[in-house]
Structure formats: structure tokens, C-alpha cells
mmCIF file of all heavy atoms, coordinates in Angstrom:
data_MODEL
# 
_entry.id   MODEL 
# 
loop_
_atom_site.group_PDB 
_atom_site.id 
_atom_site.type_symbol 
_atom_site.label_atom_id 
_atom_site.label_alt_id 
_atom_site.label_comp_id 
_atom_site.label_asym_id 
_atom_site.label_entity_id 
_atom_site.label_seq_id 
_atom_site.pdbx_PDB_ins_code 
_atom_site.Cartn_x 
_atom_site.Cartn_y 
_atom_site.Cartn_z 
_atom_site.occupancy 
_atom_site.B_iso_or_equiv 
_atom_site.pdbx_formal_charge 
_atom_site.auth_seq_id 
_atom_site.auth_comp_id 
_atom_site.auth_asym_id 
_atom_site.auth_atom_id 
_atom_site.pdbx_PDB_model_num 
ATOM 1   N N   . ALA A 1 1  ? -96.777  103.641 132.439 1.00 0.00 ? 1  ALA A N   1 
ATOM 2   C CA  . ALA A 1 1  ? -97.868  102.586 132.231 1.00 0.00 ? 1  ALA A CA  1 
ATOM 3   C C   . ALA A 1 1  ? -97.564  101.404 133.070 1.00 0.00 ? 1  ALA A C   1 
ATOM 4   O O   . ALA A 1 1  ? -98.518  100.696 133.388 1.00 0.00 ? 1  ALA A O   1 
ATOM 5   C CB  . ALA A 1 1  ? -97.938  102.276 130.739 1.00 0.00 ? 1  ALA A CB  1 
ATOM 6   N N   . ARG A 1 2  ? -96.356  101.129 133.387 1.00 0.00 ? 2  ARG A N   1 
ATOM 7   C CA  . ARG A 1 2  ? -95.994  99.945  134.183 1.00 0.00 ? 2  ARG A CA  1 
ATOM 8   C C   . ARG A 1 2  ? -96.205  100.222 135.647 1.00 0.00 ? 2  ARG A C   1 
ATOM 9   O O   . ARG A 1 2  ? -96.173  99.298  136.465 1.00 0.00 ? 2  ARG A O   1 
ATOM 10  C CB  . ARG A 1 2  ? -94.491  99.606  133.948 1.00 0.00 ? 2  ARG A CB  1 
ATOM 11  C CG  . ARG A 1 2  ? -94.315  99.055  132.505 1.00 0.00 ? 2  ARG A CG  1 
ATOM 12  C CD  . ARG A 1 2  ? -92.921  98.420  132.412 1.00 0.00 ? 2  ARG A CD  1 
ATOM 13  N NE  . ARG A 1 2  ? -92.654  97.746  131.149 1.00 0.00 ? 2  ARG A NE  1 
ATOM 14  C CZ  . ARG A 1 2  ? -93.102  96.489  130.898 1.00 0.00 ? 2  ARG A CZ  1 
ATOM 15  N NH1 . ARG A 1 2  ? -93.732  95.784  131.796 1.00 0.00 ? 2  ARG A NH1 1 
ATOM 16  N NH2 . ARG A 1 2  ? -92.839  95.984  129.712 1.00 0.00 ? 2  ARG A NH2 1 
ATOM 17  N N   . PHE A 1 3  ? -96.388  101.475 136.147 1.00 0.00 ? 3  PHE A N   1 
ATOM 18  C CA  . PHE A 1 3  ? -96.578  101.720 137.500 1.00 0.00 ? 3  PHE A CA  1 
ATOM 19  C C   . PHE A 1 3  ? -97.808  101.093 138.179 1.00 0.00 ? 3  PHE A C   1 
ATOM 20  O O   . PHE A 1 3  ? -97.789  100.820 139.359 1.00 0.00 ? 3  PHE A O   1 
ATOM 21  C CB  . PHE A 1 3  ? -96.555  103.302 137.760 1.00 0.00 ? 3  PHE A CB  1 
ATOM 22  C CG  . PHE A 1 3  ? -95.134  103.948 137.692 1.00 0.00 ? 3  PHE A CG  1 
ATOM 23  C CD1 . PHE A 1 3  ? -94.241  103.497 136.735 1.00 0.00 ? 3  PHE A CD1 1 
ATOM 24  C CD2 . PHE A 1 3  ? -94.924  104.964 138.461 1.00 0.00 ? 3  PHE A CD2 1 
ATOM 25  C CE1 . PHE A 1 3  ? -92.974  104.108 136.697 1.00 0.00 ? 3  PHE A CE1 1 
ATOM 26  C CE2 . PHE A 1 3  ? -93.669  105.625 138.468 1.00 0.00 ? 3  PHE A CE2 1 
ATOM 27  C CZ  . PHE A 1 3  ? -92.685  105.219 137.533 1.00 0.00 ? 3  PHE A CZ  1 
ATOM 28  N N   . GLY A 1 4  ? -98.844  101.049 137.369 1.00 0.00 ? 4  GLY A N   1 
ATOM 29  C CA  . GLY A 1 4  ? -100.131 100.570 137.852 1.00 0.00 ? 4  GLY A CA  1 
ATOM 30  C C   . GLY A 1 4  ? -100.881 101.664 138.594 1.00 0.00 ? 4  GLY A C   1 
ATOM 31  O O   . GLY A 1 4  ? -100.358 102.723 138.771 1.00 0.00 ? 4  GLY A O   1 
ATOM 32  N N   . PRO A 1 5  ? -102.063 101.282 139.154 1.00 0.00 ? 5  PRO A N   1 
ATOM 33  C CA  . PRO A 1 5  ? -102.846 102.296 139.867 1.00 0.00 ? 5  PRO A CA  1 
ATOM 34  C C   . PRO A 1 5  ? -102.266 102.602 141.237 1.00 0.00 ? 5  PRO A C   1 
ATOM 35  O O   . PRO A 1 5  ? -101.677 101.764 141.907 1.00 0.00 ? 5  PRO A O   1 
ATOM 36  C CB  . PRO A 1 5  ? -104.169 101.676 140.001 1.00 0.00 ? 5  PRO A CB  1 
ATOM 37  C CG  . PRO A 1 5  ? -103.894 100.118 139.968 1.00 0.00 ? 5  PRO A CG  1 
ATOM 38  C CD  . PRO A 1 5  ? -102.719 100.023 139.083 1.00 0.00 ? 5  PRO A CD  1 
ATOM 39  N N   . ASN A 1 6  ? -102.381 103.964 141.624 1.00 0.00 ? 6  ASN A N   1 
ATOM 40  C CA  . ASN A 1 6  ? -102.012 104.393 142.966 1.00 0.00 ? 6  ASN A CA  1 
ATOM 41  C C   . ASN A 1 6  ? -100.643 103.975 143.390 1.00 0.00 ? 6  ASN A C   1 
ATOM 42  O O   . ASN A 1 6  ? -100.454 103.449 144.485 1.00 0.00 ? 6  ASN A O   1 
ATOM 43  C CB  . ASN A 1 6  ? -103.062 103.874 143.984 1.00 0.00 ? 6  ASN A CB  1 
ATOM 44  C CG  . ASN A 1 6  ? -102.989 104.708 145.294 1.00 0.00 ? 6  ASN A CG  1 
ATOM 45  O OD1 . ASN A 1 6  ? -102.609 105.813 145.352 1.00 0.00 ? 6  ASN A OD1 1 
ATOM 46  N ND2 . ASN A 1 6  ? -103.290 103.999 146.375 1.00 0.00 ? 6  ASN A ND2 1 
ATOM 47  N N   . PRO A 1 7  ? -99.621  104.155 142.564 1.00 0.00 ? 7  PRO A N   1 
ATOM 48  C CA  . PRO A 1 7  ? -98.333  103.702 142.990 1.00 0.00 ? 7  PRO A CA  1 
ATOM 49  C C   . PRO A 1 7  ? -97.640  104.531 144.085 1.00 0.00 ? 7  PRO A C   1 
ATOM 50  O O   . PRO A 1 7  ? -97.968  105.705 144.302 1.00 0.00 ? 7  PRO A O   1 
ATOM 51  C CB  . PRO A 1 7  ? -97.555  103.857 141.728 1.00 0.00 ? 7  PRO A CB  1 
ATOM 52  C CG  . PRO A 1 7  ? -98.145  105.062 141.065 1.00 0.00 ? 7  PRO A CG  1 
ATOM 53  C CD  . PRO A 1 7  ? -99.616  104.894 141.328 1.00 0.00 ? 7  PRO A CD  1 
ATOM 54  N N   . LEU A 1 8  ? -96.822  103.873 144.813 1.00 0.00 ? 8  LEU A N   1 
ATOM 55  C CA  . LEU A 1 8  ? -95.834  104.512 145.799 1.00 0.00 ? 8  LEU A CA  1 
ATOM 56  C C   . LEU A 1 8  ? -94.582  104.659 145.107 1.00 0.00 ? 8  LEU A C   1 
ATOM 57  O O   . LEU A 1 8  ? -93.818  103.669 144.826 1.00 0.00 ? 8  LEU A O   1 
ATOM 58  C CB  . LEU A 1 8  ? -95.763  103.774 147.002 1.00 0.00 ? 8  LEU A CB  1 
ATOM 59  C CG  . LEU A 1 8  ? -94.638  104.213 147.993 1.00 0.00 ? 8  LEU A CG  1 
ATOM 60  C CD1 . LEU A 1 8  ? -94.855  105.624 148.516 1.00 0.00 ? 8  LEU A CD1 1 
ATOM 61  C CD2 . LEU A 1 8  ? -94.611  103.306 149.221 1.00 0.00 ? 8  LEU A CD2 1 
ATOM 62  N N   . VAL A 1 9  ? -94.169  105.933 144.763 1.00 0.00 ? 9  VAL A N   1 
ATOM 63  C CA  . VAL A 1 9  ? -92.935  106.188 144.038 1.00 0.00 ? 9  VAL A CA  1 
ATOM 64  C C   . VAL A 1 9  ? -91.855  106.482 145.040 1.00 0.00 ? 9  VAL A C   1 
ATOM 65  O O   . VAL A 1 9  ? -91.994  107.506 145.769 1.00 0.00 ? 9  VAL A O   1 
ATOM 66  C CB  . VAL A 1 9  ? -93.092  107.267 142.949 1.00 0.00 ? 9  VAL A CB  1 
ATOM 67  C CG1 . VAL A 1 9  ? -91.753  107.490 142.169 1.00 0.00 ? 9  VAL A CG1 1 
ATOM 68  C CG2 . VAL A 1 9  ? -94.165  106.928 142.012 1.00 0.00 ? 9  VAL A CG2 1 
ATOM 69  N N   . ILE A 1 10 ? -90.816  105.756 145.127 1.00 0.00 ? 10 ILE A N   1 
ATOM 70  C CA  . ILE A 1 10 ? -89.768  105.964 146.063 1.00 0.00 ? 10 ILE A CA  1 
ATOM 71  C C   . ILE A 1 10 ? -88.543  106.428 145.360 1.00 0.00 ? 10 ILE A C   1 
ATOM 72  O O   . ILE A 1 10 ? -87.942  105.749 144.565 1.00 0.00 ? 10 ILE A O   1 
ATOM 73  C CB  . ILE A 1 10 ? -89.416  104.671 146.860 1.00 0.00 ? 10 ILE A CB  1 
ATOM 74  C CG1 . ILE A 1 10 ? -90.732  104.078 147.477 1.00 0.00 ? 10 ILE A CG1 1 
ATOM 75  C CG2 . ILE A 1 10 ? -88.348  104.818 147.869 1.00 0.00 ? 10 ILE A CG2 1 
ATOM 76  C CD1 . ILE A 1 10 ? -90.627  102.588 147.823 1.00 0.00 ? 10 ILE A CD1 1 
ATOM 77  N N   . GLU A 1 11 ? -88.107  107.625 145.696 1.00 0.00 ? 11 GLU A N   1 
ATOM 78  C CA  . GLU A 1 11 ? -86.872  108.102 145.021 1.00 0.00 ? 11 GLU A CA  1 
ATOM 79  C C   . GLU A 1 11 ? -85.735  108.231 145.982 1.00 0.00 ? 11 GLU A C   1 
ATOM 80  O O   . GLU A 1 11 ? -85.769  108.717 147.101 1.00 0.00 ? 11 GLU A O   1 
ATOM 81  C CB  . GLU A 1 11 ? -86.990  109.508 144.463 1.00 0.00 ? 11 GLU A CB  1 
ATOM 82  C CG  . GLU A 1 11 ? -85.820  109.998 143.613 1.00 0.00 ? 11 GLU A CG  1 
ATOM 83  C CD  . GLU A 1 11 ? -86.046  111.239 142.921 1.00 0.00 ? 11 GLU A CD  1 
ATOM 84  O OE1 . GLU A 1 11 ? -86.940  112.065 143.275 1.00 0.00 ? 11 GLU A OE1 1 
ATOM 85  O OE2 . GLU A 1 11 ? -85.273  111.625 141.971 1.00 0.00 ? 11 GLU A OE2 1 
ATOM 86  N N   . PHE A 1 12 ? -84.501  107.662 145.567 1.00 0.00 ? 12 PHE A N   1 
ATOM 87  C CA  . PHE A 1 12 ? -83.364  107.693 146.401 1.00 0.00 ? 12 PHE A CA  1 
ATOM 88  C C   . PHE A 1 12 ? -82.681  109.034 146.109 1.00 0.00 ? 12 PHE A C   1 
ATOM 89  O O   . PHE A 1 12 ? -82.207  109.319 144.990 1.00 0.00 ? 12 PHE A O   1 
ATOM 90  C CB  . PHE A 1 12 ? -82.443  106.521 146.045 1.00 0.00 ? 12 PHE A CB  1 
ATOM 91  C CG  . PHE A 1 12 ? -82.977  105.200 146.345 1.00 0.00 ? 12 PHE A CG  1 
ATOM 92  C CD1 . PHE A 1 12 ? -83.563  104.435 145.340 1.00 0.00 ? 12 PHE A CD1 1 
ATOM 93  C CD2 . PHE A 1 12 ? -83.042  104.713 147.599 1.00 0.00 ? 12 PHE A CD2 1 
ATOM 94  C CE1 . PHE A 1 12 ? -84.076  103.194 145.590 1.00 0.00 ? 12 PHE A CE1 1 
ATOM 95  C CE2 . PHE A 1 12 ? -83.613  103.446 147.901 1.00 0.00 ? 12 PHE A CE2 1 
ATOM 96  C CZ  . PHE A 1 12 ? -84.089  102.681 146.908 1.00 0.00 ? 12 PHE A CZ  1 
ATOM 97  N N   . GLY A 1 13 ? -82.603  109.926 147.090 1.00 0.00 ? 13 GLY A N   1 
ATOM 98  C CA  . GLY A 1 13 ? -82.127  111.247 146.960 1.00 0.00 ? 13 GLY A CA  1 
ATOM 99  C C   . GLY A 1 13 ? -83.274  112.208 146.982 1.00 0.00 ? 13 GLY A C   1 
ATOM 100 O O   . GLY A 1 13 ? -84.425  111.849 146.736 1.00 0.00 ? 13 GLY A O   1 
ATOM 101 N N   . SER A 1 14 ? -82.939  113.506 147.237 1.00 0.00 ? 14 SER A N   1 
ATOM 102 C CA  . SER A 1 14 ? -84.033  114.482 147.297 1.00 0.00 ? 14 SER A CA  1 
ATOM 103 C C   . SER A 1 14 ? -84.542  114.717 145.939 1.00 0.00 ? 14 SER A C   1 
ATOM 104 O O   . SER A 1 14 ? -83.822  114.971 145.005 1.00 0.00 ? 14 SER A O   1 
ATOM 105 C CB  . SER A 1 14 ? -83.476  115.766 147.921 1.00 0.00 ? 14 SER A CB  1 
ATOM 106 O OG  . SER A 1 14 ? -83.108  115.517 149.279 1.00 0.00 ? 14 SER A OG  1 
ATOM 107 N N   . GLY A 1 15 ? -85.900  114.718 145.814 1.00 0.00 ? 15 GLY A N   1 
ATOM 108 C CA  . GLY A 1 15 ? -86.449  114.598 144.480 1.00 0.00 ? 15 GLY A CA  1 
ATOM 109 C C   . GLY A 1 15 ? -87.139  115.702 143.934 1.00 0.00 ? 15 GLY A C   1 
ATOM 110 O O   . GLY A 1 15 ? -88.259  115.555 143.337 1.00 0.00 ? 15 GLY A O   1 
ATOM 111 N N   . ALA A 1 16 ? -86.706  116.978 144.059 1.00 0.00 ? 16 ALA A N   1 
ATOM 112 C CA  . ALA A 1 16 ? -87.358  118.099 143.387 1.00 0.00 ? 16 ALA A CA  1 
ATOM 113 C C   . ALA A 1 16 ? -86.748  118.360 142.086 1.00 0.00 ? 16 ALA A C   1 
ATOM 114 O O   . ALA A 1 16 ? -86.932  119.342 141.417 1.00 0.00 ? 16 ALA A O   1 
ATOM 115 C CB  . ALA A 1 16 ? -87.186  119.374 144.236 1.00 0.00 ? 16 ALA A CB  1 
ATOM 116 N N   . SER A 1 17 ? -86.091  117.310 141.449 1.00 0.00 ? 17 SER A N   1 
ATOM 117 C CA  . SER A 1 17 ? -85.445  117.481 140.263 1.00 0.00 ? 17 SER A CA  1 
ATOM 118 C C   . SER A 1 17 ? -86.333  117.335 139.111 1.00 0.00 ? 17 SER A C   1 
ATOM 119 O O   . SER A 1 17 ? -87.518  116.939 139.137 1.00 0.00 ? 17 SER A O   1 
ATOM 120 C CB  . SER A 1 17 ? -84.287  116.390 140.143 1.00 0.00 ? 17 SER A CB  1 
ATOM 121 O OG  . SER A 1 17 ? -84.878  115.100 139.952 1.00 0.00 ? 17 SER A OG  1 
ATOM 122 N N   . ARG A 1 18 ? -85.811  117.680 137.916 1.00 0.00 ? 18 ARG A N   1 
ATOM 123 C CA  . ARG A 1 18 ? -86.577  117.676 136.707 1.00 0.00 ? 18 ARG A CA  1 
ATOM 124 C C   . ARG A 1 18 ? -86.992  116.173 136.383 1.00 0.00 ? 18 ARG A C   1 
ATOM 125 O O   . ARG A 1 18 ? -88.059  115.942 135.767 1.00 0.00 ? 18 ARG A O   1 
ATOM 126 C CB  . ARG A 1 18 ? -85.734  118.207 135.554 1.00 0.00 ? 18 ARG A CB  1 
ATOM 127 C CG  . ARG A 1 18 ? -86.430  118.274 134.244 1.00 0.00 ? 18 ARG A CG  1 
ATOM 128 C CD  . ARG A 1 18 ? -85.595  119.063 133.241 1.00 0.00 ? 18 ARG A CD  1 
ATOM 129 N NE  . ARG A 1 18 ? -86.199  119.002 131.938 1.00 0.00 ? 18 ARG A NE  1 
ATOM 130 C CZ  . ARG A 1 18 ? -85.585  119.442 130.797 1.00 0.00 ? 18 ARG A CZ  1 
ATOM 131 N NH1 . ARG A 1 18 ? -84.337  119.908 130.896 1.00 0.00 ? 18 ARG A NH1 1 
ATOM 132 N NH2 . ARG A 1 18 ? -86.082  119.327 129.591 1.00 0.00 ? 18 ARG A NH2 1 
ATOM 133 N N   . LYS A 1 19 ? -86.179  115.273 136.791 1.00 0.00 ? 19 LYS A N   1 
ATOM 134 C CA  . LYS A 1 19 ? -86.443  113.811 136.356 1.00 0.00 ? 19 LYS A CA  1 
ATOM 135 C C   . LYS A 1 19 ? -87.637  113.277 136.955 1.00 0.00 ? 19 LYS A C   1 
ATOM 136 O O   . LYS A 1 19 ? -88.524  112.688 136.218 1.00 0.00 ? 19 LYS A O   1 
ATOM 137 C CB  . LYS A 1 19 ? -85.190  112.955 136.691 1.00 0.00 ? 19 LYS A CB  1 
ATOM 138 C CG  . LYS A 1 19 ? -83.958  113.334 135.863 1.00 0.00 ? 19 LYS A CG  1 
ATOM 139 C CD  . LYS A 1 19 ? -82.759  112.603 136.392 1.00 0.00 ? 19 LYS A CD  1 
ATOM 140 C CE  . LYS A 1 19 ? -81.442  113.090 135.722 1.00 0.00 ? 19 LYS A CE  1 
ATOM 141 N NZ  . LYS A 1 19 ? -80.235  112.491 136.283 1.00 0.00 ? 19 LYS A NZ  1 
ATOM 142 N N   . ILE A 1 20 ? -87.792  113.400 138.306 1.00 0.00 ? 20 ILE A N   1 
ATOM 143 C CA  . ILE A 1 20 ? -89.001  112.858 138.949 1.00 0.00 ? 20 ILE A CA  1 
ATOM 144 C C   . ILE A 1 20 ? -90.310  113.640 138.471 1.00 0.00 ? 20 ILE A C   1 
ATOM 145 O O   . ILE A 1 20 ? -91.415  113.054 138.310 1.00 0.00 ? 20 ILE A O   1 
ATOM 146 C CB  . ILE A 1 20 ? -88.909  112.879 140.469 1.00 0.00 ? 20 ILE A CB  1 
ATOM 147 C CG1 . ILE A 1 20 ? -90.075  112.102 141.083 1.00 0.00 ? 20 ILE A CG1 1 
ATOM 148 C CG2 . ILE A 1 20 ? -88.883  114.330 141.019 1.00 0.00 ? 20 ILE A CG2 1 
ATOM 149 C CD1 . ILE A 1 20 ? -90.076  110.692 140.772 1.00 0.00 ? 20 ILE A CD1 1 
ATOM 150 N N   . ARG A 1 21 ? -90.186  114.883 138.123 1.00 0.00 ? 21 ARG A N   1 
ATOM 151 C CA  . ARG A 1 21 ? -91.351  115.656 137.675 1.00 0.00 ? 21 ARG A CA  1 
ATOM 152 C C   . ARG A 1 21 ? -91.809  115.168 136.305 1.00 0.00 ? 21 ARG A C   1 
ATOM 153 O O   . ARG A 1 21 ? -92.919  115.174 136.018 1.00 0.00 ? 21 ARG A O   1 
ATOM 154 C CB  . ARG A 1 21 ? -91.003  117.128 137.601 1.00 0.00 ? 21 ARG A CB  1 
ATOM 155 C CG  . ARG A 1 21 ? -90.731  117.719 139.044 1.00 0.00 ? 21 ARG A CG  1 
ATOM 156 C CD  . ARG A 1 21 ? -90.380  119.267 138.986 1.00 0.00 ? 21 ARG A CD  1 
ATOM 157 N NE  . ARG A 1 21 ? -90.127  119.742 140.329 1.00 0.00 ? 21 ARG A NE  1 
ATOM 158 C CZ  . ARG A 1 21 ? -90.621  120.899 140.831 1.00 0.00 ? 21 ARG A CZ  1 
ATOM 159 N NH1 . ARG A 1 21 ? -91.478  121.585 140.085 1.00 0.00 ? 21 ARG A NH1 1 
ATOM 160 N NH2 . ARG A 1 21 ? -90.363  121.240 142.065 1.00 0.00 ? 21 ARG A NH2 1 
ATOM 161 N N   . ILE A 1 22 ? -90.905  114.669 135.477 1.00 0.00 ? 22 ILE A N   1 
ATOM 162 C CA  . ILE A 1 22 ? -91.280  114.088 134.180 1.00 0.00 ? 22 ILE A CA  1 
ATOM 163 C C   . ILE A 1 22 ? -92.232  112.898 134.464 1.00 0.00 ? 22 ILE A C   1 
ATOM 164 O O   . ILE A 1 22 ? -93.163  112.767 133.788 1.00 0.00 ? 22 ILE A O   1 
ATOM 165 C CB  . ILE A 1 22 ? -90.020  113.669 133.399 1.00 0.00 ? 22 ILE A CB  1 
ATOM 166 C CG1 . ILE A 1 22 ? -89.228  114.899 132.988 1.00 0.00 ? 22 ILE A CG1 1 
ATOM 167 C CG2 . ILE A 1 22 ? -90.472  112.927 132.058 1.00 0.00 ? 22 ILE A CG2 1 
ATOM 168 C CD1 . ILE A 1 22 ? -87.866  114.561 132.401 1.00 0.00 ? 22 ILE A CD1 1 
ATOM 169 N N   . LEU A 1 23 ? -91.863  112.103 135.381 1.00 0.00 ? 23 LEU A N   1 
ATOM 170 C CA  . LEU A 1 23 ? -92.666  110.884 135.656 1.00 0.00 ? 23 LEU A CA  1 
ATOM 171 C C   . LEU A 1 23 ? -93.941  111.301 136.293 1.00 0.00 ? 23 LEU A C   1 
ATOM 172 O O   . LEU A 1 23 ? -94.991  110.764 135.983 1.00 0.00 ? 23 LEU A O   1 
ATOM 173 C CB  . LEU A 1 23 ? -91.937  109.943 136.591 1.00 0.00 ? 23 LEU A CB  1 
ATOM 174 C CG  . LEU A 1 23 ? -90.569  109.328 136.069 1.00 0.00 ? 23 LEU A CG  1 
ATOM 175 C CD1 . LEU A 1 23 ? -89.898  108.478 137.019 1.00 0.00 ? 23 LEU A CD1 1 
ATOM 176 C CD2 . LEU A 1 23 ? -90.872  108.521 134.753 1.00 0.00 ? 23 LEU A CD2 1 
ATOM 177 N N   . LEU A 1 24 ? -93.975  112.188 137.294 1.00 0.00 ? 24 LEU A N   1 
ATOM 178 C CA  . LEU A 1 24 ? -95.226  112.658 137.938 1.00 0.00 ? 24 LEU A CA  1 
ATOM 179 C C   . LEU A 1 24 ? -96.101  113.236 136.916 1.00 0.00 ? 24 LEU A C   1 
ATOM 180 O O   . LEU A 1 24 ? -97.330  113.095 136.974 1.00 0.00 ? 24 LEU A O   1 
ATOM 181 C CB  . LEU A 1 24 ? -94.838  113.588 139.089 1.00 0.00 ? 24 LEU A CB  1 
ATOM 182 C CG  . LEU A 1 24 ? -94.150  112.955 140.225 1.00 0.00 ? 24 LEU A CG  1 
ATOM 183 C CD1 . LEU A 1 24 ? -93.675  114.119 141.288 1.00 0.00 ? 24 LEU A CD1 1 
ATOM 184 C CD2 . LEU A 1 24 ? -94.975  111.885 140.962 1.00 0.00 ? 24 LEU A CD2 1 
ATOM 185 N N   . ASP A 1 25 ? -95.611  114.092 135.985 1.00 0.00 ? 25 ASP A N   1 
ATOM 186 C CA  . ASP A 1 25 ? -96.405  114.687 134.976 1.00 0.00 ? 25 ASP A CA  1 
ATOM 187 C C   . ASP A 1 25 ? -97.061  113.637 134.076 1.00 0.00 ? 25 ASP A C   1 
ATOM 188 O O   . ASP A 1 25 ? -98.281  113.716 133.754 1.00 0.00 ? 25 ASP A O   1 
ATOM 189 C CB  . ASP A 1 25 ? -95.640  115.694 134.092 1.00 0.00 ? 25 ASP A CB  1 
ATOM 190 C CG  . ASP A 1 25 ? -95.230  116.919 134.828 1.00 0.00 ? 25 ASP A CG  1 
ATOM 191 O OD1 . ASP A 1 25 ? -95.863  117.250 135.849 1.00 0.00 ? 25 ASP A OD1 1 
ATOM 192 O OD2 . ASP A 1 25 ? -94.326  117.713 134.322 1.00 0.00 ? 25 ASP A OD2 1 
ATOM 193 N N   . ALA A 1 26 ? -96.292  112.622 133.760 1.00 0.00 ? 26 ALA A N   1 
ATOM 194 C CA  . ALA A 1 26 ? -96.810  111.601 132.875 1.00 0.00 ? 26 ALA A CA  1 
ATOM 195 C C   . ALA A 1 26 ? -97.881  110.701 133.559 1.00 0.00 ? 26 ALA A C   1 
ATOM 196 O O   . ALA A 1 26 ? -98.674  110.138 132.915 1.00 0.00 ? 26 ALA A O   1 
ATOM 197 C CB  . ALA A 1 26 ? -95.658  110.660 132.457 1.00 0.00 ? 26 ALA A CB  1 
ATOM 198 N N   . LEU A 1 27 ? -97.832  110.685 134.918 1.00 0.00 ? 27 LEU A N   1 
ATOM 199 C CA  . LEU A 1 27 ? -98.861  110.029 135.639 1.00 0.00 ? 27 LEU A CA  1 
ATOM 200 C C   . LEU A 1 27 ? -100.248 110.709 135.506 1.00 0.00 ? 27 LEU A C   1 
ATOM 201 O O   . LEU A 1 27 ? -101.263 110.104 135.823 1.00 0.00 ? 27 LEU A O   1 
ATOM 202 C CB  . LEU A 1 27 ? -98.487  109.841 137.189 1.00 0.00 ? 27 LEU A CB  1 
ATOM 203 C CG  . LEU A 1 27 ? -97.418  108.757 137.466 1.00 0.00 ? 27 LEU A CG  1 
ATOM 204 C CD1 . LEU A 1 27 ? -96.940  108.979 138.897 1.00 0.00 ? 27 LEU A CD1 1 
ATOM 205 C CD2 . LEU A 1 27 ? -98.148  107.407 137.330 1.00 0.00 ? 27 LEU A CD2 1 
ATOM 206 N N   . GLY A 1 28 ? -100.148 111.980 135.139 1.00 0.00 ? 28 GLY A N   1 
ATOM 207 C CA  . GLY A 1 28 ? -101.428 112.643 134.670 1.00 0.00 ? 28 GLY A CA  1 
ATOM 208 C C   . GLY A 1 28 ? -102.460 112.841 135.780 1.00 0.00 ? 28 GLY A C   1 
ATOM 209 O O   . GLY A 1 28 ? -103.594 112.765 135.578 1.00 0.00 ? 28 GLY A O   1 
ATOM 210 N N   . GLY A 1 29 ? -101.988 113.076 137.004 1.00 0.00 ? 29 GLY A N   1 
ATOM 211 C CA  . GLY A 1 29 ? -102.916 113.419 138.056 1.00 0.00 ? 29 GLY A CA  1 
ATOM 212 C C   . GLY A 1 29 ? -103.564 112.217 138.720 1.00 0.00 ? 29 GLY A C   1 
ATOM 213 O O   . GLY A 1 29 ? -104.514 112.285 139.528 1.00 0.00 ? 29 GLY A O   1 
# 
């Protein structure tokens, strides 16, 4: 909810992990 609209999410490290997917799923499309 803090990301705001149309965020640019920058992950340090390669991000096919479960953690980034939790956030992307929560962004709800």
C-alpha cells in the first residue's frame, strides 16, 4: 500500500525468488 501507483520496484540481487513474488502478487496486477 506504500508503493503507490505504477511503482518501479528495484531488487538488489536476481529476483526470481519467493520474496519478490509475494510483493508482486500483493500488487494485484
